[in-house]
Amino acid sequence: MSKVGLVLGGGGITGAAFHFGTLLAIEMATGWNPNDSEVLIGTSSGAFVAATIRANSLHLNAFAGTGDTEEEIHEWLNGYLYRRGTPRGAIRWIRKGLIPAIRKPNLYVTLGSPGLYRTEGLAEWVTDIAGDLAASWPEKPTAIVAYDVEARTRTPFGTEGAPEVSLADAVAASSAVPFVYEPVKIANRWYADGGLASGTSADLLLAHPDPLDLVLVIAPLAATEPRKRGRFYEDMFDRAGRTALAAELASIRSAWPETEILVLRPDETVLDIARPNPMSVGAAIPAFLTTLRSMRFELARPSVWSVLENHLGVVVR
């Protein structure tokens, strides 16, 4: 079996749906368990999916619960995603985000912003899925990427030099989307969504002591397909995601020229379901089902299937 580095990018709840659909499609097609990844990197929604993988809980119930109706599934998801609280941190936002952005305009105006919702539900979701693992850390190499609001740098929890933190809290911090969730305080520092640094952070794989055989990247917010009727910020997120990912993959190719790289991105059918709000609970299950359909064709492409067959030990049924 090849040594695989699995990178799961951010993308809201519809991004998590894309991850689940893609990974389950790969598992059904090849028999490969994503938890066999030598290294696993998760950012934002990818952080949550990474936790389910390391807990060996990558199944539909972990994502959508056991409800029989659309309303029951929506209620179940809303219970974890949207724990409303009184917005806090206005002074922190003014100091860390607004004033610096006025002096030098940039996207970091969001840093430390107050949020309508708390991340306690996200941490509880991880706990309900991962059990005791949620309070500790996976034994296999796993990095959960968040963004240090004050230092303005990414923090890959689970790596040397990063603060010690539970898996549940790391996922909550990595998923703290500005203006939606308030930042998460860990070891007296505030952390926000890891996607503020990069939607993927694939270059962190280079910390592995030896070259990996395959780098598999699932990138919900690095699409190359145009989004029909897309709003300006959707294209902006995609361009930023593509640019960051391209630079990260270039560094991997330079350091590990023999390593194969496979990037799976949503096609136009998935993008159309997921737009314009990647945090829409109502779009989660349609995005998942559409991803399963799209992956039937994507994985069957000779250029894709040959990579999977070469590295994932395909089981012939």
Protein backbone atom coordinates (compact mmCIF):
# COMPACT_ATOMS: atom_id res chain seq x y z
CA MET A 1 0.00 0.00 0.00
CA SER A 2 1.31 3.42 -0.92
CA LYS A 3 1.89 6.13 1.64
CA VAL A 4 -0.87 8.68 1.11
CA GLY A 5 -1.10 12.27 2.30
CA LEU A 6 -4.76 13.27 2.43
CA VAL A 7 -5.58 17.00 2.39
CA LEU A 8 -9.14 18.16 3.10
CA GLY A 9 -9.85 21.80 2.34
CA GLY A 10 -12.45 24.18 3.72
CA GLY A 11 -15.84 24.95 2.25
CA GLY A 12 -18.63 25.20 4.82
CA ILE A 13 -21.26 22.53 5.33
CA THR A 14 -21.58 22.01 1.58
CA GLY A 15 -17.82 21.53 1.49
CA ALA A 16 -18.16 18.84 4.15
CA ALA A 17 -20.86 17.26 1.97
CA PHE A 18 -18.40 17.24 -0.94
CA HIS A 19 -15.76 15.60 1.26
CA PHE A 20 -18.14 12.90 2.46
CA GLY A 21 -19.44 12.19 -1.03
CA THR A 22 -15.96 12.09 -2.58
CA LEU A 23 -14.35 9.95 0.10
CA LEU A 24 -17.24 7.49 0.28
CA ALA A 25 -17.18 7.21 -3.53
CA ILE A 26 -13.45 6.44 -3.43
CA GLU A 27 -13.95 3.91 -0.66
CA MET A 28 -16.76 2.17 -2.55
CA ALA A 29 -14.76 2.14 -5.78
CA THR A 30 -11.42 0.97 -4.37
CA GLY A 31 -11.94 -0.48 -0.89
CA TRP A 32 -9.45 2.04 0.52
CA ASN A 33 -10.10 3.34 4.02
CA PRO A 34 -9.20 7.07 4.28
CA ASN A 35 -8.00 6.40 7.82
CA ASP A 36 -5.11 4.50 6.25
CA SER A 37 -3.68 7.86 5.20
CA GLU A 38 -0.11 8.28 6.39
CA VAL A 39 -0.76 11.98 7.05
CA LEU A 40 -4.06 13.83 7.27
CA ILE A 41 -4.50 17.61 7.06
CA GLY A 42 -7.88 19.27 7.63
CA THR A 43 -8.94 22.88 7.40
CA SER A 44 -12.33 24.31 8.44
CA SER A 45 -15.00 21.86 7.22
CA GLY A 46 -12.14 19.59 6.22
CA ALA A 47 -11.05 19.59 9.87
CA PHE A 48 -14.40 18.13 10.92
CA VAL A 49 -14.19 15.45 8.23
CA ALA A 50 -10.61 14.68 9.28
CA ALA A 51 -11.86 14.06 12.83
CA THR A 52 -14.53 11.64 11.59
CA ILE A 53 -11.90 9.79 9.55
CA ARG A 54 -9.48 9.38 12.45
CA ALA A 55 -12.41 8.19 14.57
CA ASN A 56 -13.27 5.60 11.90
CA SER A 57 -16.71 7.19 11.64
CA LEU A 58 -16.84 8.22 8.00
CA HIS A 59 -20.43 7.27 7.33
CA LEU A 60 -23.61 9.11 6.39
CA ASN A 61 -25.07 9.09 9.90
CA ALA A 62 -22.09 11.10 11.15
CA PHE A 63 -22.91 13.79 8.62
CA ALA A 64 -26.71 13.77 8.46
CA GLY A 65 -27.91 11.96 11.60
CA THR A 66 -30.59 9.32 11.56
CA GLY A 67 -33.58 11.47 10.64
CA ASP A 68 -36.04 10.13 8.08
CA THR A 69 -37.28 13.44 6.72
CA GLU A 70 -35.61 16.53 5.31
CA GLU A 71 -36.89 18.57 8.24
CA GLU A 72 -35.40 16.14 10.78
CA ILE A 73 -32.01 16.24 9.06
CA HIS A 74 -32.05 20.05 8.92
CA GLU A 75 -32.97 20.26 12.58
CA TRP A 76 -30.17 17.84 13.49
CA LEU A 77 -27.56 19.83 11.55
CA ASN A 78 -28.79 23.18 12.82
CA GLY A 79 -28.48 21.92 16.39
CA TYR A 80 -24.73 21.51 15.95
CA LEU A 81 -23.92 24.30 13.52
CA TYR A 82 -25.94 27.21 14.81
CA ARG A 83 -25.78 27.64 18.57
CA ARG A 84 -26.82 31.25 18.86
CA GLY A 85 -25.15 33.55 21.36
CA THR A 86 -24.84 37.24 22.06
CA PRO A 87 -22.23 38.68 19.67
CA ARG A 88 -19.04 39.46 21.56
CA GLY A 89 -15.59 40.73 20.74
CA ALA A 90 -16.36 44.03 19.00
CA ILE A 91 -13.33 45.70 20.61
CA ARG A 92 -11.11 42.77 19.65
CA TRP A 93 -12.35 43.01 16.06
CA ILE A 94 -11.74 46.76 15.89
CA ARG A 95 -8.18 46.33 17.19
CA LYS A 96 -7.17 43.20 15.28
CA GLY A 97 -9.18 43.51 12.08
CA LEU A 98 -10.88 46.82 11.36
CA ILE A 99 -8.17 49.35 12.25
CA PRO A 100 -5.35 47.46 10.48
CA ALA A 101 -7.57 47.04 7.42
CA ILE A 102 -8.33 50.78 7.35
CA ARG A 103 -4.62 51.52 7.43
CA LYS A 104 -3.86 48.91 4.80
CA PRO A 105 -7.01 47.53 3.09
CA ASN A 106 -7.10 43.74 2.91
CA LEU A 107 -9.33 40.77 3.60
CA TYR A 108 -8.13 40.53 7.20
CA VAL A 109 -10.83 43.01 8.20
CA THR A 110 -12.66 39.85 9.31
CA LEU A 111 -10.06 38.92 11.93
CA GLY A 112 -11.51 38.57 15.40
CA SER A 113 -14.94 39.66 14.20
CA PRO A 114 -17.96 39.09 16.44
CA GLY A 115 -20.13 36.15 15.45
CA LEU A 116 -23.79 35.38 15.88
CA TYR A 117 -23.02 31.77 16.73
CA ARG A 118 -20.78 29.88 19.13
CA THR A 119 -18.56 26.95 18.21
CA GLU A 120 -19.61 24.81 21.18
CA GLY A 121 -21.95 22.90 18.90
CA LEU A 122 -19.12 22.06 16.51
CA ALA A 123 -17.01 20.72 19.37
CA GLU A 124 -19.99 18.72 20.63
CA TRP A 125 -20.53 17.26 17.15
CA VAL A 126 -16.95 15.99 17.12
CA THR A 127 -17.39 14.57 20.62
CA ASP A 128 -20.58 12.74 19.68
CA ILE A 129 -18.86 11.20 16.64
CA ALA A 130 -15.34 10.59 17.92
CA GLY A 131 -16.04 9.69 21.56
CA ASP A 132 -12.96 9.67 23.79
CA LEU A 133 -10.72 10.63 20.86
CA ALA A 134 -12.35 14.07 20.80
CA ALA A 135 -10.71 14.92 24.14
CA SER A 136 -7.25 13.78 23.00
CA TRP A 137 -5.47 13.51 19.65
CA PRO A 138 -5.18 10.83 16.95
CA GLU A 139 -2.12 8.59 17.09
CA LYS A 140 -1.59 8.85 13.34
CA PRO A 141 -0.10 12.13 12.05
CA THR A 142 -2.94 14.64 11.85
CA ALA A 143 -2.87 18.41 11.48
CA ILE A 144 -5.90 20.63 12.04
CA VAL A 145 -5.24 24.13 10.70
CA ALA A 146 -6.53 27.29 12.40
CA TYR A 147 -5.54 30.94 12.12
CA ASP A 148 -3.91 32.90 14.96
CA VAL A 149 -5.80 36.21 15.01
CA GLU A 150 -3.08 38.25 16.72
CA ALA A 151 -0.01 36.77 15.00
CA ARG A 152 -1.81 36.56 11.64
CA THR A 153 -0.30 33.18 10.92
CA ARG A 154 -1.71 29.72 10.50
CA THR A 155 -1.41 27.28 13.38
CA PRO A 156 -1.42 23.58 12.49
CA PHE A 157 -2.62 21.94 15.70
CA GLY A 158 -1.14 18.50 16.13
CA THR A 159 2.35 19.55 15.00
CA GLU A 160 5.46 20.52 16.92
CA GLY A 161 5.34 24.06 18.26
CA ALA A 162 1.55 24.30 18.21
CA PRO A 163 -0.37 24.56 21.51
CA GLU A 164 -1.68 21.32 22.94
CA VAL A 165 -5.41 21.11 22.37
CA SER A 166 -8.15 18.52 22.16
CA LEU A 167 -9.31 17.36 18.75
CA ALA A 168 -12.79 18.80 19.37
CA ASP A 169 -11.46 22.26 20.25
CA ALA A 170 -9.04 22.25 17.33
CA VAL A 171 -11.88 21.51 14.91
CA ALA A 172 -13.99 24.27 16.45
CA ALA A 173 -11.14 26.78 16.09
CA SER A 174 -10.38 25.71 12.52
CA SER A 175 -14.06 26.12 11.61
CA ALA A 176 -14.68 29.53 13.21
CA VAL A 177 -15.78 31.34 10.06
CA PRO A 178 -15.51 35.13 10.59
CA PHE A 179 -18.80 36.98 11.14
CA VAL A 180 -20.56 33.62 11.52
CA TYR A 181 -18.73 32.25 14.58
CA GLU A 182 -16.79 34.09 17.24
CA PRO A 183 -13.11 33.14 17.43
CA VAL A 184 -12.02 30.34 19.76
CA LYS A 185 -9.68 30.98 22.67
CA ILE A 186 -6.96 28.36 23.19
CA ALA A 187 -3.99 28.86 25.55
CA ASN A 188 -4.82 32.57 25.88
CA ARG A 189 -4.78 33.14 22.13
CA TRP A 190 -7.67 33.64 19.73
CA TYR A 191 -8.06 31.46 16.66
CA ALA A 192 -10.33 31.69 13.64
CA ASP A 193 -11.02 29.71 10.48
CA GLY A 194 -7.87 28.14 9.06
CA GLY A 195 -9.01 29.09 5.57
CA LEU A 196 -7.89 32.66 6.28
CA ALA A 197 -4.35 31.43 5.60
CA SER A 198 -5.10 28.79 2.98
CA GLY A 199 -8.08 26.69 2.08
CA THR A 200 -5.87 23.59 1.97
CA SER A 201 -2.36 24.06 3.51
CA ALA A 202 -1.16 21.08 1.49
CA ASP A 203 2.46 22.19 1.87
CA LEU A 204 2.36 21.06 5.52
CA LEU A 205 2.80 17.54 4.17
CA LEU A 206 6.45 18.41 3.55
CA ALA A 207 7.05 18.10 7.29
CA HIS A 208 6.82 14.33 6.81
CA PRO A 209 10.34 12.90 7.08
CA ASP A 210 10.07 10.93 3.84
CA PRO A 211 8.38 11.64 0.51
CA LEU A 212 4.86 10.32 0.23
CA ASP A 213 3.75 8.21 -2.72
CA LEU A 214 0.48 10.02 -3.32
CA VAL A 215 -0.88 13.40 -2.29
CA LEU A 216 -4.67 13.38 -2.53
CA VAL A 217 -6.26 16.82 -2.20
CA ILE A 218 -10.01 17.39 -1.95
CA ALA A 219 -10.61 21.10 -2.46
CA PRO A 220 -14.23 22.36 -2.31
CA LEU A 221 -13.19 26.02 -2.64
CA ALA A 222 -10.58 25.76 -5.39
CA ALA A 223 -12.91 25.02 -8.28
CA THR A 224 -11.80 25.59 -11.85
CA GLU A 225 -15.36 25.53 -13.21
CA PRO A 226 -17.24 28.84 -13.30
CA ARG A 227 -20.17 29.14 -10.91
CA LYS A 228 -23.37 29.86 -12.79
CA ARG A 229 -24.86 33.14 -11.65
CA GLY A 230 -22.05 33.24 -9.10
CA ARG A 231 -21.70 36.27 -6.87
CA PHE A 232 -18.45 38.20 -6.79
CA TYR A 233 -17.28 36.65 -3.52
CA GLU A 234 -17.74 33.11 -4.82
CA ASP A 235 -15.30 33.66 -7.67
CA MET A 236 -12.99 35.49 -5.26
CA PHE A 237 -12.89 32.50 -2.90
CA ASP A 238 -12.26 30.11 -5.78
CA ARG A 239 -9.43 32.25 -7.19
CA ALA A 240 -7.81 32.57 -3.78
CA GLY A 241 -8.17 28.83 -3.20
CA ARG A 242 -6.72 27.93 -6.60
CA THR A 243 -3.80 30.33 -6.20
CA ALA A 244 -2.84 29.10 -2.74
CA LEU A 245 -3.21 25.46 -3.71
CA ALA A 246 -1.16 25.89 -6.89
CA ALA A 247 1.73 27.38 -4.88
CA GLU A 248 1.52 24.59 -2.30
CA LEU A 249 1.52 21.86 -4.94
CA ALA A 250 4.46 23.50 -6.71
CA SER A 251 6.49 23.30 -3.50
CA ILE A 252 5.56 19.62 -3.11
CA ARG A 253 6.53 18.82 -6.70
CA SER A 254 9.83 20.62 -6.22
CA ALA A 255 10.69 18.76 -3.01
CA TRP A 256 9.19 15.36 -3.96
CA PRO A 257 9.40 15.04 -7.76
CA GLU A 258 8.42 11.36 -7.70
CA THR A 259 5.23 11.93 -5.70
CA GLU A 260 1.97 11.69 -7.63
CA ILE A 261 -0.64 14.36 -6.92
CA LEU A 262 -4.37 14.07 -7.46
CA VAL A 263 -6.71 17.00 -6.83
CA LEU A 264 -10.48 16.47 -6.75
CA ARG A 265 -12.66 19.57 -7.03
CA PRO A 266 -16.43 20.08 -7.35
CA ASP A 267 -17.79 20.19 -10.89
CA GLU A 268 -20.44 22.62 -12.09
CA THR A 269 -23.33 20.42 -10.92
CA VAL A 270 -22.04 20.43 -7.33
CA LEU A 271 -21.16 24.13 -7.48
CA ASP A 272 -24.67 24.98 -8.64
CA ILE A 273 -26.16 23.18 -5.62
CA ALA A 274 -23.69 24.69 -3.14
CA ARG A 275 -23.99 28.33 -4.20
CA PRO A 276 -24.43 31.02 -3.03
CA ASN A 277 -24.09 30.09 0.66
CA PRO A 278 -21.67 27.26 1.58
CA MET A 279 -23.09 27.32 5.13
CA SER A 280 -26.62 26.45 3.97
CA VAL A 281 -27.96 23.42 5.83
CA GLY A 282 -30.64 23.01 3.17
CA ALA A 283 -27.99 22.48 0.49
CA ALA A 284 -25.97 19.89 2.44
CA ILE A 285 -27.74 16.66 1.45
CA PRO A 286 -28.36 17.73 -2.18
CA ALA A 287 -24.64 18.59 -2.42
CA PHE A 288 -23.72 15.18 -1.00
CA LEU A 289 -25.96 13.29 -3.43
CA THR A 290 -24.80 15.37 -6.38
CA THR A 291 -21.18 14.71 -5.41
CA LEU A 292 -21.79 10.95 -5.42
CA ARG A 293 -23.23 11.21 -8.92
CA SER A 294 -20.42 13.42 -10.20
CA MET A 295 -17.74 11.14 -8.75
CA ARG A 296 -19.06 8.18 -10.73
CA PHE A 297 -17.72 9.93 -13.82
CA GLU A 298 -14.72 11.71 -12.27
CA LEU A 299 -13.21 8.57 -10.73
CA ALA A 300 -13.78 6.64 -13.97
CA ARG A 301 -11.61 9.03 -15.97
CA PRO A 302 -8.47 7.09 -17.01
CA SER A 303 -6.13 9.78 -15.65
CA VAL A 304 -7.84 9.61 -12.25
CA TRP A 305 -8.52 5.88 -12.03
CA SER A 306 -4.96 4.96 -12.96
CA VAL A 307 -3.67 6.96 -9.98
CA LEU A 308 -6.19 5.40 -7.59
CA GLU A 309 -5.49 1.91 -8.92
CA ASN A 310 -1.75 2.42 -8.59
CA HIS A 311 -1.78 3.66 -4.99
CA LEU A 312 -4.91 2.57 -3.14
CA GLY A 313 -4.77 -1.18 -3.59
CA VAL A 314 -8.04 -1.47 -5.53
CA VAL A 315 -10.18 -4.39 -4.45
CA VAL A 316 -11.73 -6.23 -7.41
CA ARG A 317 -15.29 -7.23 -6.58
